[in-house]
Amino acid sequence: MIEIIIKPIISEKMTAITEKCPERYAFQVTPEANKIQIKNAVEKLYGVNVVSVNTMNVLPKVQSRWTRAGLIQGRKSQYKKAVVTLKKGETIDFFSHI
């Protein structure tokens, strides 16, 4: 159940969203996971009450750079992202284990 969540997403954009709505957090999850499995995994892993789960598939981005050999192109991998809304007043501390 816990292997559904790969890692929390801590980016500048997600930090701004969490500051505006303190009960929203984002996680990278396995592509096969559905909303019910994500909700149960977050509740079991962090001991919080989940109100809603929004999922989205993040499409791969094309990356390119110039080198001596010329232009090298590649792409980042695709992944599934879940934005979890917790019950009012509950928080998740990602940095408590450091």
PDB file of N, CA and C in Angstrom:
ATOM      1  N   MET A   1       0.831  -1.193   0.000  1.00  0.00           N
ATOM      2  CA  MET A   1       0.000   0.000   0.000  1.00  0.00           C
ATOM      3  C   MET A   1       0.872   1.252   0.000  1.00  0.00           C
ATOM      4  N   ILE A   2       1.951   1.246   0.765  1.00  0.00           N
ATOM      5  CA  ILE A   2       2.772   2.439   0.877  1.00  0.00           C
ATOM      6  C   ILE A   2       3.637   2.631  -0.369  1.00  0.00           C
ATOM      7  N   GLU A   3       3.895   1.575  -1.152  1.00  0.00           N
ATOM      8  CA  GLU A   3       4.716   1.722  -2.344  1.00  0.00           C
ATOM      9  C   GLU A   3       3.992   2.471  -3.463  1.00  0.00           C
ATOM     10  N   ILE A   4       2.771   2.882  -3.244  1.00  0.00           N
ATOM     11  CA  ILE A   4       2.037   3.697  -4.219  1.00  0.00           C
ATOM     12  C   ILE A   4       2.657   5.081  -4.301  1.00  0.00           C
ATOM     13  N   ILE A   5       3.072   5.641  -3.168  1.00  0.00           N
ATOM     14  CA  ILE A   5       3.675   6.971  -3.136  1.00  0.00           C
ATOM     15  C   ILE A   5       5.167   6.835  -3.398  1.00  0.00           C
ATOM     16  N   ILE A   6       5.654   7.512  -4.438  1.00  0.00           N
ATOM     17  CA  ILE A   6       7.076   7.456  -4.770  1.00  0.00           C
ATOM     18  C   ILE A   6       7.845   8.490  -3.959  1.00  0.00           C
ATOM     19  N   LYS A   7       7.400   9.757  -4.017  1.00  0.00           N
ATOM     20  CA  LYS A   7       8.058  10.821  -3.257  1.00  0.00           C
ATOM     21  C   LYS A   7       7.159  12.043  -3.204  1.00  0.00           C
ATOM     22  N   PRO A   8       7.334  12.891  -2.185  1.00  0.00           N
ATOM     23  CA  PRO A   8       6.601  14.158  -2.171  1.00  0.00           C
ATOM     24  C   PRO A   8       7.234  15.139  -3.157  1.00  0.00           C
ATOM     25  N   ILE A   9       6.419  15.998  -3.732  1.00  0.00           N
ATOM     26  CA  ILE A   9       6.909  17.006  -4.668  1.00  0.00           C
ATOM     27  C   ILE A   9       7.086  18.304  -3.894  1.00  0.00           C
ATOM     28  N   ILE A  10       8.336  18.732  -3.760  1.00  0.00           N
ATOM     29  CA  ILE A  10       8.658  19.968  -3.047  1.00  0.00           C
ATOM     30  C   ILE A  10       9.339  20.885  -4.051  1.00  0.00           C
ATOM     31  N   SER A  11       8.549  21.707  -4.704  1.00  0.00           N
ATOM     32  CA  SER A  11       9.073  22.643  -5.692  1.00  0.00           C
ATOM     33  C   SER A  11       8.651  24.050  -5.302  1.00  0.00           C
ATOM     34  N   GLU A  12       9.149  25.013  -6.034  1.00  0.00           N
ATOM     35  CA  GLU A  12       8.807  26.402  -5.740  1.00  0.00           C
ATOM     36  C   GLU A  12       7.312  26.652  -5.956  1.00  0.00           C
ATOM     37  N   LYS A  13       6.772  26.074  -7.020  1.00  0.00           N
ATOM     38  CA  LYS A  13       5.351  26.248  -7.321  1.00  0.00           C
ATOM     39  C   LYS A  13       4.481  25.575  -6.265  1.00  0.00           C
ATOM     40  N   MET A  14       4.842  24.360  -5.858  1.00  0.00           N
ATOM     41  CA  MET A  14       4.050  23.653  -4.858  1.00  0.00           C
ATOM     42  C   MET A  14       4.167  24.302  -3.486  1.00  0.00           C
ATOM     43  N   THR A  15       5.309  24.870  -3.179  1.00  0.00           N
ATOM     44  CA  THR A  15       5.468  25.583  -1.912  1.00  0.00           C
ATOM     45  C   THR A  15       4.570  26.812  -1.870  1.00  0.00           C
ATOM     46  N   ALA A  16       4.434  27.510  -2.992  1.00  0.00           N
ATOM     47  CA  ALA A  16       3.541  28.668  -3.057  1.00  0.00           C
ATOM     48  C   ALA A  16       2.084  28.249  -2.870  1.00  0.00           C
ATOM     49  N   ILE A  17       1.706  27.116  -3.437  1.00  0.00           N
ATOM     50  CA  ILE A  17       0.340  26.616  -3.271  1.00  0.00           C
ATOM     51  C   ILE A  17       0.095  26.208  -1.822  1.00  0.00           C
ATOM     52  N   THR A  18       1.078  25.569  -1.180  1.00  0.00           N
ATOM     53  CA  THR A  18       0.935  25.144   0.207  1.00  0.00           C
ATOM     54  C   THR A  18       0.866  26.342   1.153  1.00  0.00           C
ATOM     55  N   GLU A  19       1.568  27.425   0.827  1.00  0.00           N
ATOM     56  CA  GLU A  19       1.479  28.623   1.663  1.00  0.00           C
ATOM     57  C   GLU A  19       0.101  29.274   1.542  1.00  0.00           C
ATOM     58  N   LYS A  20      -0.491  29.221   0.355  1.00  0.00           N
ATOM     59  CA  LYS A  20      -1.818  29.795   0.154  1.00  0.00           C
ATOM     60  C   LYS A  20      -2.901  28.909   0.767  1.00  0.00           C
ATOM     61  N   CYS A  21      -2.800  27.604   0.558  1.00  0.00           N
ATOM     62  CA  CYS A  21      -3.730  26.610   1.114  1.00  0.00           C
ATOM     63  C   CYS A  21      -2.909  25.613   1.920  1.00  0.00           C
ATOM     64  N   PRO A  22      -2.752  25.816   3.237  1.00  0.00           N
ATOM     65  CA  PRO A  22      -1.805  25.008   4.023  1.00  0.00           C
ATOM     66  C   PRO A  22      -2.130  23.526   4.121  1.00  0.00           C
ATOM     67  N   GLU A  23      -3.311  23.098   3.689  1.00  0.00           N
ATOM     68  CA  GLU A  23      -3.635  21.678   3.787  1.00  0.00           C
ATOM     69  C   GLU A  23      -3.507  20.937   2.461  1.00  0.00           C
ATOM     70  N   ARG A  24      -2.808  21.493   1.478  1.00  0.00           N
ATOM     71  CA  ARG A  24      -2.596  20.837   0.183  1.00  0.00           C
ATOM     72  C   ARG A  24      -1.145  20.417   0.007  1.00  0.00           C
ATOM     73  N   TYR A  25      -0.962  19.173  -0.421  1.00  0.00           N
ATOM     74  CA  TYR A  25       0.367  18.615  -0.642  1.00  0.00           C
ATOM     75  C   TYR A  25       0.356  17.805  -1.924  1.00  0.00           C
ATOM     76  N   ALA A  26       1.506  17.722  -2.599  1.00  0.00           N
ATOM     77  CA  ALA A  26       1.603  16.985  -3.856  1.00  0.00           C
ATOM     78  C   ALA A  26       2.585  15.827  -3.703  1.00  0.00           C
ATOM     79  N   PHE A  27       2.265  14.717  -4.369  1.00  0.00           N
ATOM     80  CA  PHE A  27       3.089  13.523  -4.336  1.00  0.00           C
ATOM     81  C   PHE A  27       3.238  12.970  -5.743  1.00  0.00           C
ATOM     82  N   GLN A  28       4.402  12.401  -6.027  1.00  0.00           N
ATOM     83  CA  GLN A  28       4.567  11.625  -7.247  1.00  0.00           C
ATOM     84  C   GLN A  28       4.160  10.199  -6.904  1.00  0.00           C
ATOM     85  N   VAL A  29       3.247   9.638  -7.695  1.00  0.00           N
ATOM     86  CA  VAL A  29       2.700   8.310  -7.406  1.00  0.00           C
ATOM     87  C   VAL A  29       2.901   7.390  -8.605  1.00  0.00           C
ATOM     88  N   THR A  30       2.684   6.108  -8.394  1.00  0.00           N
ATOM     89  CA  THR A  30       2.804   5.152  -9.497  1.00  0.00           C
ATOM     90  C   THR A  30       1.682   5.399 -10.501  1.00  0.00           C
ATOM     91  N   PRO A  31       1.931   5.163 -11.791  1.00  0.00           N
ATOM     92  CA  PRO A  31       0.921   5.448 -12.817  1.00  0.00           C
ATOM     93  C   PRO A  31      -0.349   4.606 -12.696  1.00  0.00           C
ATOM     94  N   GLU A  32      -0.283   3.443 -12.055  1.00  0.00           N
ATOM     95  CA  GLU A  32      -1.453   2.582 -11.933  1.00  0.00           C
ATOM     96  C   GLU A  32      -2.351   2.956 -10.759  1.00  0.00           C
ATOM     97  N   ALA A  33      -1.896   3.825  -9.877  1.00  0.00           N
ATOM     98  CA  ALA A  33      -2.626   4.138  -8.647  1.00  0.00           C
ATOM     99  C   ALA A  33      -3.891   4.945  -8.944  1.00  0.00           C
ATOM    100  N   ASN A  34      -4.968   4.617  -8.225  1.00  0.00           N
ATOM    101  CA  ASN A  34      -6.186   5.413  -8.343  1.00  0.00           C
ATOM    102  C   ASN A  34      -6.349   6.277  -7.090  1.00  0.00           C
ATOM    103  N   LYS A  35      -7.400   7.093  -7.069  1.00  0.00           N
ATOM    104  CA  LYS A  35      -7.569   8.064  -5.985  1.00  0.00           C
ATOM    105  C   LYS A  35      -7.798   7.394  -4.626  1.00  0.00           C
ATOM    106  N   ILE A  36      -8.510   6.303  -4.607  1.00  0.00           N
ATOM    107  CA  ILE A  36      -8.787   5.610  -3.343  1.00  0.00           C
ATOM    108  C   ILE A  36      -7.506   5.023  -2.769  1.00  0.00           C
ATOM    109  N   GLN A  37      -6.673   4.411  -3.619  1.00  0.00           N
ATOM    110  CA  GLN A  37      -5.405   3.844  -3.149  1.00  0.00           C
ATOM    111  C   GLN A  37      -4.478   4.942  -2.648  1.00  0.00           C
ATOM    112  N   ILE A  38      -4.444   6.084  -3.340  1.00  0.00           N
ATOM    113  CA  ILE A  38      -3.598   7.211  -2.918  1.00  0.00           C
ATOM    114  C   ILE A  38      -4.069   7.739  -1.576  1.00  0.00           C
ATOM    115  N   LYS A  39      -5.372   7.895  -1.407  1.00  0.00           N
ATOM    116  CA  LYS A  39      -5.931   8.385  -0.149  1.00  0.00           C
ATOM    117  C   LYS A  39      -5.562   7.454   1.003  1.00  0.00           C
ATOM    118  N   ASN A  40      -5.735   6.152   0.817  1.00  0.00           N
ATOM    119  CA  ASN A  40      -5.415   5.190   1.878  1.00  0.00           C
ATOM    120  C   ASN A  40      -3.922   5.174   2.192  1.00  0.00           C
ATOM    121  N   ALA A  41      -3.073   5.306   1.177  1.00  0.00           N
ATOM    122  CA  ALA A  41      -1.632   5.294   1.400  1.00  0.00           C
ATOM    123  C   ALA A  41      -1.172   6.519   2.181  1.00  0.00           C
ATOM    124  N   VAL A  42      -1.701   7.697   1.846  1.00  0.00           N
ATOM    125  CA  VAL A  42      -1.315   8.928   2.556  1.00  0.00           C
ATOM    126  C   VAL A  42      -1.803   8.876   4.000  1.00  0.00           C
ATOM    127  N   GLU A  43      -3.027   8.416   4.211  1.00  0.00           N
ATOM    128  CA  GLU A  43      -3.551   8.316   5.578  1.00  0.00           C
ATOM    129  C   GLU A  43      -2.738   7.344   6.425  1.00  0.00           C
ATOM    130  N   LYS A  44      -2.327   6.228   5.827  1.00  0.00           N
ATOM    131  CA  LYS A  44      -1.560   5.232   6.582  1.00  0.00           C
ATOM    132  C   LYS A  44      -0.128   5.703   6.837  1.00  0.00           C
ATOM    133  N   LEU A  45       0.490   6.339   5.835  1.00  0.00           N
ATOM    134  CA  LEU A  45       1.893   6.734   5.954  1.00  0.00           C
ATOM    135  C   LEU A  45       2.090   7.922   6.890  1.00  0.00           C
ATOM    136  N   TYR A  46       1.199   8.925   6.809  1.00  0.00           N
ATOM    137  CA  TYR A  46       1.392  10.160   7.587  1.00  0.00           C
ATOM    138  C   TYR A  46       0.414  10.315   8.742  1.00  0.00           C
ATOM    139  N   GLY A  47      -0.594   9.469   8.868  1.00  0.00           N
ATOM    140  CA  GLY A  47      -1.525   9.545   9.987  1.00  0.00           C
ATOM    141  C   GLY A  47      -2.400  10.777   9.955  1.00  0.00           C
ATOM    142  N   VAL A  48      -2.909  11.138   8.783  1.00  0.00           N
ATOM    143  CA  VAL A  48      -3.769  12.312   8.627  1.00  0.00           C
ATOM    144  C   VAL A  48      -5.078  11.889   7.972  1.00  0.00           C
ATOM    145  N   ASN A  49      -6.064  12.786   7.970  1.00  0.00           N
ATOM    146  CA  ASN A  49      -7.345  12.530   7.314  1.00  0.00           C
ATOM    147  C   ASN A  49      -7.373  13.263   5.979  1.00  0.00           C
ATOM    148  N   VAL A  50      -7.573  12.535   4.882  1.00  0.00           N
ATOM    149  CA  VAL A  50      -7.587  13.107   3.539  1.00  0.00           C
ATOM    150  C   VAL A  50      -9.020  13.412   3.148  1.00  0.00           C
ATOM    151  N   VAL A  51      -9.256  14.652   2.689  1.00  0.00           N
ATOM    152  CA  VAL A  51     -10.587  15.068   2.254  1.00  0.00           C
ATOM    153  C   VAL A  51     -10.782  14.769   0.774  1.00  0.00           C
ATOM    154  N   SER A  52      -9.805  15.141  -0.068  1.00  0.00           N
ATOM    155  CA  SER A  52      -9.936  14.901  -1.502  1.00  0.00           C
ATOM    156  C   SER A  52      -8.566  14.652  -2.123  1.00  0.00           C
ATOM    157  N   VAL A  53      -8.589  14.001  -3.296  1.00  0.00           N
ATOM    158  CA  VAL A  53      -7.380  13.701  -4.052  1.00  0.00           C
ATOM    159  C   VAL A  53      -7.626  14.092  -5.501  1.00  0.00           C
ATOM    160  N   ASN A  54      -6.747  14.901  -6.065  1.00  0.00           N
ATOM    161  CA  ASN A  54      -6.783  15.239  -7.485  1.00  0.00           C
ATOM    162  C   ASN A  54      -5.539  14.654  -8.135  1.00  0.00           C
ATOM    163  N   THR A  55      -5.731  13.952  -9.253  1.00  0.00           N
ATOM    164  CA  THR A  55      -4.600  13.348  -9.937  1.00  0.00           C
ATOM    165  C   THR A  55      -4.440  13.946 -11.329  1.00  0.00           C
ATOM    166  N   MET A  56      -3.201  13.906 -11.820  1.00  0.00           N
ATOM    167  CA  MET A  56      -2.916  14.379 -13.177  1.00  0.00           C
ATOM    168  C   MET A  56      -1.697  13.654 -13.709  1.00  0.00           C
ATOM    169  N   ASN A  57      -1.677  13.432 -15.018  1.00  0.00           N
ATOM    170  CA  ASN A  57      -0.528  12.845 -15.679  1.00  0.00           C
ATOM    171  C   ASN A  57       0.335  13.972 -16.217  1.00  0.00           C
ATOM    172  N   VAL A  58       1.575  14.046 -15.770  1.00  0.00           N
ATOM    173  CA  VAL A  58       2.508  15.076 -16.210  1.00  0.00           C
ATOM    174  C   VAL A  58       3.213  14.535 -17.452  1.00  0.00           C
ATOM    175  N   LEU A  59       3.038  15.220 -18.567  1.00  0.00           N
ATOM    176  CA  LEU A  59       3.600  14.761 -19.830  1.00  0.00           C
ATOM    177  C   LEU A  59       5.104  14.998 -19.874  1.00  0.00           C
ATOM    178  N   PRO A  60       5.822  14.205 -20.677  1.00  0.00           N
ATOM    179  CA  PRO A  60       7.280  14.379 -20.754  1.00  0.00           C
ATOM    180  C   PRO A  60       7.645  15.680 -21.448  1.00  0.00           C
ATOM    181  N   LYS A  61       8.726  16.300 -20.999  1.00  0.00           N
ATOM    182  CA  LYS A  61       9.214  17.546 -21.595  1.00  0.00           C
ATOM    183  C   LYS A  61      10.452  17.250 -22.426  1.00  0.00           C
ATOM    184  N   VAL A  62      10.561  17.913 -23.570  1.00  0.00           N
ATOM    185  CA  VAL A  62      11.719  17.745 -24.438  1.00  0.00           C
ATOM    186  C   VAL A  62      12.828  18.656 -23.934  1.00  0.00           C
ATOM    187  N   GLN A  63      14.016  18.090 -23.749  1.00  0.00           N
ATOM    188  CA  GLN A  63      15.175  18.848 -23.298  1.00  0.00           C
ATOM    189  C   GLN A  63      16.214  18.836 -24.415  1.00  0.00           C
ATOM    190  N   SER A  64      16.882  19.956 -24.622  1.00  0.00           N
ATOM    191  CA  SER A  64      17.942  19.999 -25.629  1.00  0.00           C
ATOM    192  C   SER A  64      19.065  20.885 -25.123  1.00  0.00           C
ATOM    193  N   ARG A  65      20.271  20.587 -25.593  1.00  0.00           N
ATOM    194  CA  ARG A  65      21.430  21.408 -25.222  1.00  0.00           C
ATOM    195  C   ARG A  65      22.450  21.344 -26.349  1.00  0.00           C
ATOM    196  N   TRP A  66      23.225  22.397 -26.446  1.00  0.00           N
ATOM    197  CA  TRP A  66      24.267  22.465 -27.466  1.00  0.00           C
ATOM    198  C   TRP A  66      25.581  21.984 -26.882  1.00  0.00           C
ATOM    199  N   THR A  67      26.271  21.112 -27.597  1.00  0.00           N
ATOM    200  CA  THR A  67      27.585  20.618 -27.204  1.00  0.00           C
ATOM    201  C   THR A  67      28.536  20.770 -28.393  1.00  0.00           C
ATOM    202  N   ARG A  68      29.760  20.332 -28.225  1.00  0.00           N
ATOM    203  CA  ARG A  68      30.712  20.385 -29.340  1.00  0.00           C
ATOM    204  C   ARG A  68      30.259  19.498 -30.500  1.00  0.00           C
ATOM    205  N   ALA A  69      29.616  18.405 -30.165  1.00  0.00           N
ATOM    206  CA  ALA A  69      29.151  17.476 -31.192  1.00  0.00           C
ATOM    207  C   ALA A  69      27.881  17.968 -31.882  1.00  0.00           C
ATOM    208  N   GLY A  70      27.275  19.018 -31.373  1.00  0.00           N
ATOM    209  CA  GLY A  70      26.051  19.543 -31.967  1.00  0.00           C
ATOM    210  C   GLY A  70      24.913  19.515 -30.964  1.00  0.00           C
ATOM    211  N   LEU A  71      23.719  19.544 -31.474  1.00  0.00           N
ATOM    212  CA  LEU A  71      22.521  19.584 -30.640  1.00  0.00           C
ATOM    213  C   LEU A  71      22.174  18.181 -30.155  1.00  0.00           C
ATOM    214  N   ILE A  72      22.019  18.027 -28.846  1.00  0.00           N
ATOM    215  CA  ILE A  72      21.620  16.764 -28.251  1.00  0.00           C
ATOM    216  C   ILE A  72      20.226  16.957 -27.677  1.00  0.00           C
ATOM    217  N   GLN A  73      19.310  16.086 -28.077  1.00  0.00           N
ATOM    218  CA  GLN A  73      17.943  16.182 -27.578  1.00  0.00           C
ATOM    219  C   GLN A  73      17.563  14.919 -26.831  1.00  0.00           C
ATOM    220  N   GLY A  74      16.741  15.092 -25.851  1.00  0.00           N
ATOM    221  CA  GLY A  74      16.219  13.982 -25.066  1.00  0.00           C
ATOM    222  C   GLY A  74      14.901  14.410 -24.461  1.00  0.00           C
ATOM    223  N   ARG A  75      14.359  13.569 -23.617  1.00  0.00           N
ATOM    224  CA  ARG A  75      13.116  13.944 -22.956  1.00  0.00           C
ATOM    225  C   ARG A  75      13.104  13.428 -21.533  1.00  0.00           C
ATOM    226  N   LYS A  76      12.441  14.196 -20.671  1.00  0.00           N
ATOM    227  CA  LYS A  76      12.253  13.767 -19.292  1.00  0.00           C
ATOM    228  C   LYS A  76      11.134  12.738 -19.259  1.00  0.00           C
ATOM    229  N   SER A  77      11.104  11.940 -18.228  1.00  0.00           N
ATOM    230  CA  SER A  77      10.109  10.876 -18.164  1.00  0.00           C
ATOM    231  C   SER A  77       8.749  11.410 -17.711  1.00  0.00           C
ATOM    232  N   GLN A  78       7.719  10.692 -18.093  1.00  0.00           N
ATOM    233  CA  GLN A  78       6.350  11.018 -17.714  1.00  0.00           C
ATOM    234  C   GLN A  78       6.067  10.435 -16.338  1.00  0.00           C
ATOM    235  N   TYR A  79       5.232  11.115 -15.539  1.00  0.00           N
ATOM    236  CA  TYR A  79       4.865  10.590 -14.227  1.00  0.00           C
ATOM    237  C   TYR A  79       3.460  11.045 -13.856  1.00  0.00           C
ATOM    238  N   LYS A  80       2.931  10.457 -12.812  1.00  0.00           N
ATOM    239  CA  LYS A  80       1.606  10.804 -12.325  1.00  0.00           C
ATOM    240  C   LYS A  80       1.748  11.575 -11.022  1.00  0.00           C
ATOM    241  N   LYS A  81       1.003  12.670 -10.914  1.00  0.00           N
ATOM    242  CA  LYS A  81       1.073  13.533  -9.738  1.00  0.00           C
ATOM    243  C   LYS A  81      -0.286  13.542  -9.054  1.00  0.00           C
ATOM    244  N   ALA A  82      -0.277  13.517  -7.732  1.00  0.00           N
ATOM    245  CA  ALA A  82      -1.502  13.577  -6.942  1.00  0.00           C
ATOM    246  C   ALA A  82      -1.418  14.756  -5.983  1.00  0.00           C
ATOM    247  N   VAL A  83      -2.432  15.627  -6.016  1.00  0.00           N
ATOM    248  CA  VAL A  83      -2.532  16.740  -5.075  1.00  0.00           C
ATOM    249  C   VAL A  83      -3.574  16.340  -4.035  1.00  0.00           C
ATOM    250  N   VAL A  84      -3.131  16.255  -2.779  1.00  0.00           N
ATOM    251  CA  VAL A  84      -3.959  15.751  -1.685  1.00  0.00           C
ATOM    252  C   VAL A  84      -4.370  16.919  -0.806  1.00  0.00           C
ATOM    253  N   THR A  85      -5.669  17.017  -0.504  1.00  0.00           N
ATOM    254  CA  THR A  85      -6.185  18.026   0.414  1.00  0.00           C
ATOM    255  C   THR A  85      -6.532  17.347   1.726  1.00  0.00           C
ATOM    256  N   LEU A  86      -5.961  17.856   2.816  1.00  0.00           N
ATOM    257  CA  LEU A  86      -6.179  17.278   4.147  1.00  0.00           C
ATOM    258  C   LEU A  86      -7.332  17.972   4.843  1.00  0.00           C
ATOM    259  N   LYS A  87      -7.746  17.376   5.960  1.00  0.00           N
ATOM    260  CA  LYS A  87      -8.781  17.969   6.796  1.00  0.00           C
ATOM    261  C   LYS A  87      -8.260  19.284   7.369  1.00  0.00           C
ATOM    262  N   LYS A  88      -9.136  20.228   7.590  1.00  0.00           N
ATOM    263  CA  LYS A  88      -8.768  21.562   8.073  1.00  0.00           C
ATOM    264  C   LYS A  88      -7.965  21.463   9.367  1.00  0.00           C
ATOM    265  N   GLY A  89      -6.798  22.117   9.382  1.00  0.00           N
ATOM    266  CA  GLY A  89      -5.967  22.160  10.574  1.00  0.00           C
ATOM    267  C   GLY A  89      -4.888  21.087  10.637  1.00  0.00           C
ATOM    268  N   GLU A  90      -4.887  20.117   9.729  1.00  0.00           N
ATOM    269  CA  GLU A  90      -3.875  19.066   9.735  1.00  0.00           C
ATOM    270  C   GLU A  90      -2.753  19.415   8.765  1.00  0.00           C
ATOM    271  N   THR A  91      -1.533  19.019   9.122  1.00  0.00           N
ATOM    272  CA  THR A  91      -0.368  19.280   8.283  1.00  0.00           C
ATOM    273  C   THR A  91       0.513  18.036   8.217  1.00  0.00           C
ATOM    274  N   ILE A  92       1.388  18.017   7.204  1.00  0.00           N
ATOM    275  CA  ILE A  92       2.389  16.963   7.056  1.00  0.00           C
ATOM    276  C   ILE A  92       3.743  17.628   7.129  1.00  0.00           C
ATOM    277  N   ASP A  93       4.633  17.102   7.988  1.00  0.00           N
ATOM    278  CA  ASP A  93       5.976  17.636   8.112  1.00  0.00           C
ATOM    279  C   ASP A  93       6.945  16.664   7.406  1.00  0.00           C
ATOM    280  N   PHE A  94       7.418  17.048   6.220  1.00  0.00           N
ATOM    281  CA  PHE A  94       8.317  16.189   5.458  1.00  0.00           C
ATOM    282  C   PHE A  94       9.721  16.163   6.027  1.00  0.00           C
ATOM    283  N   PHE A  95      10.118  17.182   6.783  1.00  0.00           N
ATOM    284  CA  PHE A  95      11.484  17.327   7.230  1.00  0.00           C
ATOM    285  C   PHE A  95      11.692  16.916   8.681  1.00  0.00           C
ATOM    286  N   SER A  96      10.749  16.199   9.282  1.00  0.00           N
ATOM    287  CA  SER A  96      10.896  15.813  10.674  1.00  0.00           C
ATOM    288  C   SER A  96      11.874  14.659  10.867  1.00  0.00           C
ATOM    289  N   HIS A  97      12.149  13.876   9.798  1.00  0.00           N
ATOM    290  CA  HIS A  97      13.030  12.718   9.916  1.00  0.00           C
ATOM    291  C   HIS A  97      14.486  13.048   9.631  1.00  0.00           C
ATOM    292  N   ILE A  98      14.781  14.298   9.306  1.00  0.00           N
ATOM    293  CA  ILE A  98      16.160  14.686   8.947  1.00  0.00           C
ATOM    294  C   ILE A  98      16.976  14.892  10.201  1.00  0.00           C
TER     295      ILE A  98
END
